[in-house]
Protein backbone atom coordinates (compact mmCIF):
# COMPACT_ATOMS: atom_id res chain seq x y z
CA MET A 1 -31.80 -6.50 1.50
CA MET A 2 -29.38 -9.24 2.55
CA THR A 3 -31.87 -11.16 4.68
CA SER A 4 -31.13 -14.89 4.65
CA THR A 5 -31.77 -17.94 6.79
CA ALA A 6 -28.13 -18.95 6.34
CA PRO A 7 -25.72 -17.97 9.11
CA ALA A 8 -23.43 -15.01 8.57
CA GLY A 9 -19.91 -15.84 7.50
CA PRO A 10 -16.87 -15.38 9.71
CA THR A 11 -16.43 -11.83 8.39
CA GLY A 12 -19.92 -10.51 9.09
CA PHE A 13 -22.24 -11.29 6.19
CA ASP A 14 -23.63 -14.15 4.15
CA VAL A 15 -21.77 -14.15 0.84
CA ALA A 16 -24.19 -16.61 -0.77
CA ALA A 17 -27.10 -14.29 0.02
CA LEU A 18 -25.16 -11.37 -1.40
CA ARG A 19 -24.35 -13.21 -4.62
CA ALA A 20 -28.02 -13.96 -5.21
CA HIS A 21 -28.56 -10.28 -6.00
CA PHE A 22 -26.18 -10.40 -9.00
CA PRO A 23 -27.82 -11.88 -12.12
CA SER A 24 -24.53 -11.83 -14.03
CA LEU A 25 -22.96 -14.34 -11.65
CA ALA A 26 -25.26 -17.00 -13.09
CA SER A 27 -22.85 -17.06 -16.05
CA GLY A 28 -20.53 -19.19 -13.93
CA ILE A 29 -17.59 -16.84 -14.40
CA ALA A 30 -15.35 -16.28 -11.38
CA HIS A 31 -14.69 -12.54 -11.60
CA PHE A 32 -11.31 -11.19 -10.50
CA ASP A 33 -11.73 -8.02 -12.56
CA GLY A 34 -13.24 -5.90 -9.78
CA PRO A 35 -10.59 -3.14 -10.01
CA GLY A 36 -11.69 -2.57 -13.60
CA GLY A 37 -15.39 -2.51 -12.71
CA THR A 38 -17.71 -4.64 -10.62
CA GLN A 39 -20.79 -6.63 -11.52
CA THR A 40 -24.16 -4.96 -10.94
CA PRO A 41 -26.76 -6.09 -8.40
CA ARG A 42 -30.41 -6.24 -9.40
CA PRO A 43 -31.54 -3.29 -7.20
CA VAL A 44 -29.13 -0.95 -9.02
CA ALA A 45 -30.36 -2.05 -12.45
CA ASP A 46 -33.96 -1.79 -11.24
CA ALA A 47 -33.37 1.79 -10.07
CA VAL A 48 -32.01 2.78 -13.48
CA THR A 49 -34.96 1.15 -15.26
CA ALA A 50 -37.53 2.69 -12.91
CA THR A 51 -36.22 6.20 -13.54
CA MET A 52 -36.07 5.76 -17.31
CA THR A 53 -39.64 4.42 -17.47
CA ALA A 54 -41.21 6.87 -15.01
CA PRO A 55 -42.26 10.40 -15.98
CA ILE A 56 -39.00 12.33 -16.36
CA SER A 57 -38.05 15.74 -17.76
CA ASN A 58 -35.86 18.69 -16.84
CA ARG A 59 -35.82 19.56 -13.15
CA GLY A 60 -38.58 21.66 -11.69
CA THR A 61 -41.30 21.86 -9.04
CA GLY A 62 -44.46 21.59 -11.17
CA ALA A 63 -45.10 18.40 -13.09
CA LEU A 64 -44.38 14.93 -11.69
CA SER A 65 -41.72 14.46 -14.36
CA GLU A 66 -39.95 17.59 -13.11
CA THR A 67 -40.08 16.65 -9.43
CA ASN A 68 -38.86 13.13 -10.25
CA ALA A 69 -35.76 14.63 -11.88
CA ASP A 70 -35.18 16.99 -8.98
CA ALA A 71 -35.59 14.16 -6.47
CA ALA A 72 -33.00 12.05 -8.32
CA VAL A 73 -30.40 14.82 -8.01
CA GLY A 74 -31.13 15.46 -4.34
CA ALA A 75 -31.03 11.78 -3.41
CA PHE A 76 -27.75 11.30 -5.25
CA ARG A 77 -26.05 14.14 -3.40
CA LEU A 78 -27.29 12.90 -0.03
CA ALA A 79 -26.17 9.32 -0.75
CA TYR A 80 -22.63 10.32 -1.68
CA ALA A 81 -22.45 12.75 1.21
CA ASP A 82 -23.12 9.75 3.43
CA LEU A 83 -20.63 7.55 1.59
CA LEU A 84 -17.78 10.08 1.62
CA GLY A 85 -18.38 12.19 4.71
CA VAL A 86 -18.87 15.62 3.13
CA PRO A 87 -21.92 17.93 2.87
CA ALA A 88 -24.38 17.15 0.09
CA ALA A 89 -23.61 20.54 -1.50
CA GLY A 90 -20.03 19.32 -1.99
CA ILE A 91 -20.98 16.38 -4.25
CA VAL A 92 -20.37 16.89 -7.99
CA TYR A 93 -21.56 14.43 -10.63
CA GLY A 94 -19.31 13.61 -13.60
CA ARG A 95 -19.22 11.23 -16.53
CA SER A 96 -16.10 9.62 -15.03
CA ALA A 97 -13.37 10.29 -12.48
CA THR A 98 -11.02 10.98 -15.39
CA GLN A 99 -13.35 13.64 -16.80
CA LEU A 100 -13.73 15.27 -13.39
CA THR A 101 -9.98 15.32 -12.83
CA PHE A 102 -9.32 16.92 -16.22
CA ASP A 103 -12.05 19.50 -15.53
CA PHE A 104 -10.66 20.43 -12.12
CA SER A 105 -7.05 20.46 -13.34
CA ARG A 106 -8.02 23.16 -15.81
CA ILE A 107 -9.96 25.11 -13.19
CA LEU A 108 -7.26 24.94 -10.51
CA ALA A 109 -4.45 25.78 -12.94
CA GLN A 110 -6.03 29.10 -13.85
CA ASP A 111 -3.82 30.92 -11.34
CA TRP A 112 -0.68 28.77 -11.62
CA GLY A 113 2.40 30.17 -13.27
CA PRO A 114 6.21 29.95 -13.55
CA GLY A 115 7.78 29.25 -10.18
CA ASP A 116 4.85 27.17 -8.98
CA GLU A 117 5.13 23.41 -8.45
CA VAL A 118 2.70 20.52 -8.79
CA VAL A 119 3.39 17.13 -7.18
CA VAL A 120 2.32 13.82 -8.73
CA THR A 121 3.38 10.24 -7.99
CA ARG A 122 4.82 7.15 -9.67
CA LEU A 123 2.11 5.06 -7.97
CA ASP A 124 -0.96 6.67 -9.49
CA HIS A 125 -3.28 5.68 -12.31
CA ASP A 126 -2.58 8.00 -15.24
CA ALA A 127 -5.94 9.72 -14.67
CA ASN A 128 -4.41 11.38 -11.60
CA VAL A 129 -1.09 12.12 -13.29
CA ARG A 130 -1.53 13.30 -16.87
CA PRO A 131 -4.22 15.94 -16.22
CA TRP A 132 -1.93 17.64 -13.70
CA VAL A 133 1.23 17.28 -15.80
CA LEU A 134 -0.52 18.80 -18.81
CA ALA A 135 -2.04 21.62 -16.77
CA ALA A 136 1.32 22.41 -15.17
CA GLU A 137 3.10 22.44 -18.51
CA ARG A 138 0.56 24.85 -19.98
CA ALA A 139 0.86 27.13 -16.95
CA GLY A 140 4.66 27.05 -16.95
CA ALA A 141 4.72 25.34 -13.54
CA GLU A 142 7.22 22.65 -12.55
CA VAL A 143 6.22 19.03 -11.95
CA ARG A 144 7.77 17.17 -9.03
CA TRP A 145 7.45 13.43 -8.42
CA ILE A 146 6.96 11.19 -5.40
CA ASP A 147 8.80 8.00 -6.30
CA LEU A 148 7.73 4.38 -5.91
CA ASP A 149 10.04 1.77 -4.42
CA PRO A 150 9.49 -1.42 -6.48
CA ALA A 151 10.90 -3.58 -3.68
CA THR A 152 8.15 -2.56 -1.25
CA ALA A 153 5.44 -1.26 -3.62
CA GLU A 154 5.32 1.81 -1.38
CA PHE A 155 6.50 5.41 -1.69
CA ASP A 156 10.18 6.12 -1.23
CA PRO A 157 10.22 8.01 2.12
CA ALA A 158 13.01 10.35 1.02
CA SER A 159 11.08 11.20 -2.11
CA VAL A 160 7.99 12.06 -0.10
CA ALA A 161 10.00 14.34 2.16
CA ASP A 162 11.58 16.15 -0.80
CA ALA A 163 8.48 16.51 -2.97
CA VAL A 164 6.54 19.23 -1.15
CA THR A 165 8.18 22.66 -0.96
CA ASP A 166 7.02 26.20 -0.23
CA ARG A 167 6.31 26.54 -3.97
CA THR A 168 3.90 23.60 -4.12
CA ARG A 169 0.39 24.51 -5.26
CA LEU A 170 -1.18 21.06 -5.47
CA VAL A 171 -0.39 17.46 -4.58
CA ALA A 172 -2.20 14.71 -6.53
CA VAL A 173 -2.04 11.32 -4.83
CA THR A 174 -3.91 8.05 -4.92
CA GLY A 175 -5.91 6.71 -2.01
CA ALA A 176 -5.10 3.20 -3.23
CA SER A 177 -3.26 1.92 -6.30
CA ASN A 178 -5.44 0.18 -8.88
CA LEU A 179 -2.36 -1.76 -10.01
CA LEU A 180 -0.70 -2.87 -6.77
CA GLY A 181 -3.35 -2.23 -4.13
CA THR A 182 -0.96 -0.04 -2.11
CA ARG A 183 -2.73 2.34 0.29
CA PRO A 184 -0.25 5.15 0.97
CA ASP A 185 -0.30 7.38 4.03
CA VAL A 186 -2.36 10.12 2.41
CA ARG A 187 -2.93 12.03 5.63
CA THR A 188 0.78 12.61 6.24
CA ILE A 189 1.25 13.83 2.67
CA ALA A 190 -1.83 16.05 2.96
CA ASP A 191 -0.58 17.59 6.20
CA ALA A 192 2.73 18.46 4.54
CA ALA A 193 0.90 20.01 1.59
CA HIS A 194 -1.46 22.04 3.75
CA ALA A 195 1.47 23.31 5.84
CA VAL A 196 2.72 25.21 2.76
CA GLY A 197 -0.74 26.26 1.57
CA ALA A 198 -1.07 23.63 -1.17
CA GLN A 199 -4.23 21.73 -2.06
CA VAL A 200 -4.60 17.93 -2.16
CA PHE A 201 -6.45 16.02 -4.87
CA VAL A 202 -7.02 12.34 -4.04
CA ASP A 203 -7.89 9.67 -6.59
CA GLY A 204 -10.21 7.46 -4.55
CA VAL A 205 -11.43 5.27 -7.41
CA HIS A 206 -9.80 2.10 -6.06
CA HIS A 207 -9.80 3.33 -2.46
CA ALA A 208 -13.57 3.86 -2.10
CA ALA A 209 -14.23 0.36 -3.45
CA HIS A 210 -12.51 -1.26 -0.47
CA GLN A 211 -12.60 1.07 2.51
CA PHE A 212 -14.96 3.24 4.52
CA VAL A 213 -14.12 6.78 3.42
CA ASP A 214 -13.91 9.96 5.47
CA VAL A 215 -12.71 12.66 3.08
CA PRO A 216 -11.98 15.35 5.72
CA ALA A 217 -10.11 12.86 7.93
CA LEU A 218 -8.05 11.79 4.92
CA GLY A 219 -6.96 15.40 4.43
CA ALA A 220 -8.26 15.59 0.86
CA ASP A 221 -9.43 18.93 -0.51
CA PHE A 222 -10.84 17.08 -3.52
CA TYR A 223 -11.69 13.38 -3.73
CA VAL A 224 -12.92 11.52 -6.81
CA CYS A 225 -14.41 8.05 -7.07
CA SER A 226 -16.33 5.90 -9.55
CA PRO A 227 -19.55 4.13 -8.53
CA TYR A 228 -19.03 1.37 -11.11
CA LYS A 229 -16.06 0.20 -9.04
CA PHE A 230 -18.41 -0.49 -6.11
CA LEU A 231 -21.50 -2.06 -7.70
CA GLY A 232 -22.98 1.06 -9.32
CA PRO A 233 -23.37 2.43 -12.86
CA HIS A 234 -20.61 3.98 -14.97
CA CYS A 235 -20.12 7.54 -13.74
CA GLY A 236 -17.86 9.63 -11.53
CA VAL A 237 -18.25 11.61 -8.29
CA LEU A 238 -16.17 14.43 -6.85
CA ALA A 239 -16.40 15.40 -3.19
CA ALA A 240 -15.14 18.67 -1.68
CA ASP A 241 -16.08 21.27 0.89
CA PRO A 242 -18.83 23.47 -0.62
CA GLY A 243 -17.00 26.56 0.61
CA LEU A 244 -13.94 25.58 -1.41
CA LEU A 245 -16.08 24.93 -4.48
CA GLU A 246 -17.54 28.44 -4.11
CA THR A 247 -14.06 29.89 -4.75
CA LEU A 248 -13.66 28.15 -8.13
CA ARG A 249 -14.91 29.61 -11.41
CA PRO A 250 -15.34 27.00 -14.14
CA ASP A 251 -16.26 27.90 -17.71
CA LYS A 252 -20.01 27.62 -18.17
CA LEU A 253 -22.89 28.66 -20.39
CA ILE A 254 -24.42 32.09 -19.67
CA PRO A 255 -27.90 30.76 -18.75
CA ALA A 256 -26.50 27.90 -16.68
CA THR A 257 -26.81 28.19 -12.91
CA ASP A 258 -23.87 29.45 -10.88
CA VAL A 259 -25.01 27.58 -7.78
CA VAL A 260 -22.55 25.12 -6.18
CA PRO A 261 -22.23 22.25 -7.00
CA GLU A 262 -24.32 22.62 -10.16
CA ARG A 263 -21.90 25.13 -11.68
CA PHE A 264 -19.47 22.23 -12.31
CA GLU A 265 -22.04 19.96 -13.99
CA LEU A 266 -22.39 20.77 -17.67
CA GLY A 267 -25.67 20.07 -19.44
CA THR A 268 -28.67 18.05 -18.34
CA LEU A 269 -27.80 15.35 -15.82
CA PRO A 270 -28.54 11.65 -16.56
CA TYR A 271 -31.15 11.12 -13.86
CA GLU A 272 -31.27 7.37 -14.38
CA MET A 273 -27.52 7.14 -13.63
CA LEU A 274 -27.94 9.26 -10.53
CA ASP A 275 -30.65 6.96 -9.21
CA GLY A 276 -28.55 3.90 -10.04
CA ALA A 277 -25.58 5.38 -8.20
CA THR A 278 -27.80 6.14 -5.21
CA ALA A 279 -29.09 2.56 -5.23
CA ALA A 280 -25.49 1.30 -5.13
CA VAL A 281 -24.86 3.24 -1.91
CA ASP A 282 -28.04 1.86 -0.37
CA PHE A 283 -27.07 -1.66 -1.42
CA LEU A 284 -23.64 -1.28 0.19
CA ALA A 285 -25.21 0.04 3.38
CA ASP A 286 -27.43 -3.06 3.64
CA ILE A 287 -24.68 -5.69 3.23
CA ALA A 288 -23.94 -5.88 6.98
CA PRO A 289 -25.63 -2.86 8.55
CA GLY A 290 -25.13 -3.74 12.21
CA ASP A 291 -27.44 -4.91 14.95
CA ASP A 292 -30.07 -2.13 14.78
CA PRO A 293 -30.27 -0.87 11.18
CA ALA A 294 -33.73 0.67 11.61
CA ASN A 295 -32.32 3.14 14.15
CA THR A 296 -28.93 3.68 12.52
CA SER A 297 -27.98 6.36 10.03
CA ARG A 298 -27.03 5.34 6.51
CA ARG A 299 -23.46 6.52 7.10
CA GLU A 300 -23.13 4.29 10.15
CA ARG A 301 -24.63 1.36 8.24
CA LEU A 302 -22.07 2.02 5.50
CA ARG A 303 -19.32 1.98 8.10
CA ALA A 304 -20.43 -1.40 9.44
CA SER A 305 -20.97 -2.89 5.99
CA LEU A 306 -17.69 -1.71 4.51
CA HIS A 307 -15.74 -2.93 7.53
CA ALA A 308 -17.36 -6.35 7.02
CA VAL A 309 -16.58 -6.29 3.30
CA ASP A 310 -12.96 -5.35 4.05
CA ALA A 311 -12.61 -8.27 6.47
CA HIS A 312 -14.14 -10.66 3.92
CA GLU A 313 -11.95 -9.48 1.05
CA THR A 314 -8.81 -9.47 3.20
CA ARG A 315 -9.42 -13.07 4.27
CA LEU A 316 -9.77 -14.14 0.64
CA ARG A 317 -6.67 -12.16 -0.29
CA HIS A 318 -4.67 -14.05 2.33
CA ARG A 319 -5.91 -17.33 0.88
CA ILE A 320 -4.76 -16.29 -2.58
CA GLU A 321 -1.37 -15.15 -1.29
CA GLU A 322 -0.84 -18.46 0.48
CA GLY A 323 -1.79 -20.36 -2.66
CA LEU A 324 0.52 -18.28 -4.84
CA ALA A 325 3.37 -18.85 -2.40
CA ASP A 326 2.87 -22.60 -2.86
CA LEU A 327 3.49 -22.13 -6.61
CA GLY A 328 7.03 -21.01 -5.84
CA ALA A 329 9.31 -19.11 -8.20
CA ASP A 330 6.90 -19.52 -11.13
CA VAL A 331 4.92 -16.57 -9.75
CA VAL A 332 6.20 -13.12 -8.75
CA VAL A 333 3.79 -11.06 -6.65
CA HIS A 334 4.50 -7.34 -6.96
CA SER A 335 1.84 -6.26 -4.43
CA ARG A 336 3.92 -6.03 -1.26
CA ALA A 337 2.84 -2.95 0.66
CA ALA A 338 2.10 -3.32 4.35
CA ASP A 339 -1.29 -1.67 3.86
CA ARG A 340 -3.07 -2.71 0.68
CA THR A 341 -6.40 -3.58 -0.89
CA PRO A 342 -7.33 -7.12 -2.04
CA THR A 343 -5.63 -6.54 -5.39
CA LEU A 344 -2.59 -8.55 -6.47
CA LEU A 345 -0.32 -7.91 -9.45
CA LEU A 346 1.52 -10.99 -10.76
CA THR A 347 4.12 -11.77 -13.36
CA LEU A 348 5.04 -15.28 -14.45
CA PRO A 349 8.74 -15.52 -15.31
CA GLY A 350 9.32 -17.20 -18.64
CA ARG A 351 5.63 -17.09 -19.55
CA LYS A 352 3.31 -14.51 -21.05
CA THR A 353 0.58 -13.36 -18.70
CA ARG A 354 -1.77 -12.86 -21.65
CA ASP A 355 -1.49 -16.60 -22.26
CA ALA A 356 -2.42 -17.17 -18.63
CA TYR A 357 -5.37 -14.80 -19.00
CA ARG A 358 -6.66 -16.77 -22.01
CA PHE A 359 -6.06 -20.12 -20.27
CA LEU A 360 -8.05 -18.97 -17.25
CA LEU A 361 -10.85 -17.71 -19.48
CA ASP A 362 -11.20 -21.25 -20.84
CA HIS A 363 -11.83 -22.28 -17.24
CA ASP A 364 -14.42 -19.50 -16.66
CA VAL A 365 -12.05 -17.39 -14.58
CA LEU A 366 -11.65 -13.73 -15.55
CA ALA A 367 -8.29 -12.37 -14.37
CA PRO A 368 -7.23 -9.65 -16.82
CA ALA A 369 -3.73 -8.98 -18.11
CA GLY A 370 -2.51 -5.48 -18.90
CA SER A 371 -1.06 -2.33 -17.42
CA PHE A 372 -4.52 -0.99 -16.50
CA TYR A 373 -3.77 2.68 -17.30
CA ALA A 374 -1.26 2.69 -14.43
CA TYR A 375 1.44 3.95 -16.77
CA GLU A 376 3.89 5.33 -14.20
CA PRO A 377 3.96 2.42 -11.72
CA PHE A 378 4.12 -0.08 -14.57
CA ARG A 379 7.23 1.64 -15.93
CA ARG A 380 8.71 2.03 -12.44
CA LEU A 381 8.36 -1.73 -11.89
CA ASP A 382 10.39 -2.16 -15.10
CA LEU A 383 7.85 -4.50 -16.61
CA ASP A 384 8.41 -3.09 -20.11
CA ASP A 385 5.93 -4.71 -22.49
CA GLU A 386 5.29 -7.78 -20.34
CA HIS A 387 1.75 -7.08 -19.25
CA ALA A 388 1.05 -8.39 -15.79
CA LEU A 389 -1.90 -10.41 -14.47
CA ARG A 390 -4.14 -8.72 -11.90
CA LEU A 391 -6.31 -10.55 -9.37
CA GLY A 392 -8.77 -8.12 -7.83
CA LEU A 393 -11.50 -9.06 -5.39
CA ALA A 394 -15.00 -7.64 -4.91
CA PRO A 395 -17.60 -8.24 -2.17
CA TYR A 396 -19.30 -11.04 -4.14
CA ASN A 397 -16.15 -13.18 -4.55
CA ASP A 398 -16.17 -16.32 -2.44
CA ASP A 399 -13.92 -19.21 -1.48
CA SER A 400 -14.90 -21.25 -4.52
CA ASP A 401 -13.68 -18.41 -6.75
CA VAL A 402 -10.34 -18.41 -4.96
CA THR A 403 -10.01 -22.18 -5.32
CA ARG A 404 -10.77 -21.97 -9.03
CA VAL A 405 -8.22 -19.25 -9.79
CA LEU A 406 -5.48 -21.01 -7.83
CA HIS A 407 -6.19 -24.35 -9.51
CA GLY A 408 -6.30 -22.61 -12.89
CA LEU A 409 -2.94 -20.92 -12.40
CA ALA A 410 -1.38 -24.17 -11.19
CA ALA A 411 -2.68 -25.97 -14.29
CA PHE A 412 -1.36 -23.23 -16.56
CA LEU A 413 2.08 -23.36 -14.96
CA ALA A 414 2.14 -27.17 -15.19
CA GLN A 415 2.01 -27.00 -18.98
CA VAL A 416 5.26 -27.87 -20.75
């Protein structure tokens, strides 16, 4: 898919060849809004269109329209099994990661009660906080918090040590912060949770967009992600061990199947979205698939491609950080964790970041301002109502994008 006569870049793939697959980039906008949702490559859009215009109906084994629908579901599960490192029977489709988290919070809380504890963090997007807080409150369980240290943008070690007790039933933790980019040590937290018999629910929405994922190695019992954060359509995916899913009893219609994972998917699935999400995985796998892609599994091609993407994005992130440092005290960078994604949260002392956002828009640079549903970390950083500016990279960003955003910020700050 990425074949080009141009030489590969220093981080393993030809960015110009990659960008050619994204019709939206012809707008001339330099997109730094990847954490909110990426642009869509042509093969993903084509897959959606092909499914919607082909014979399609409810799943079955008779008519072509029935087998097309069944094939879309099977291909989707296999693709996300390869992306996340779990069996295909452990892949659940959802409208969004938020919807899936709310659904599973209600299911898992069915046997919680007074005396039980649920652990959430001050680093997470609210989609991995509020569902658990609400479920705990309704069950009479106590909520405990892992705190965020604003000085480091990492978890407070003492808080981590104190959070998990022998009464903990579940720990909800992010794989990577959509606000600050921080990638916490999920495995250590998961090991502590499992030692007391608790389950671990990982929000991988920002994590899966920037790192090769191995759900079992991460220690996650449940892992959610959103394909539209990594070049796919707007939907959500949950990954878990099929044996664990077999133990859960969601509410469902009487005629609806009780087979895992279908028992968690309510109503007729949107087959066009499934095929688009599958195409996104295939596109990722072809970015930099290694030396012998024809004889390499899709999971191994994903590993090679995502390592190349990570190297590319990290290099660009370093360029941005160096440029921001040159702007001096006019810019405060809150993304400080030792291990982090290519996502930077900025405030501009004495200036409104929404003004900077609008100024950059006038220069065809999209760097959004807001709190980005990261309610707890935003409060913990004591930013009050001063919405911050977020610069988030995606695989299609290039050096010219970085130059434009740095020049744009410098011009904004130079205004009297």
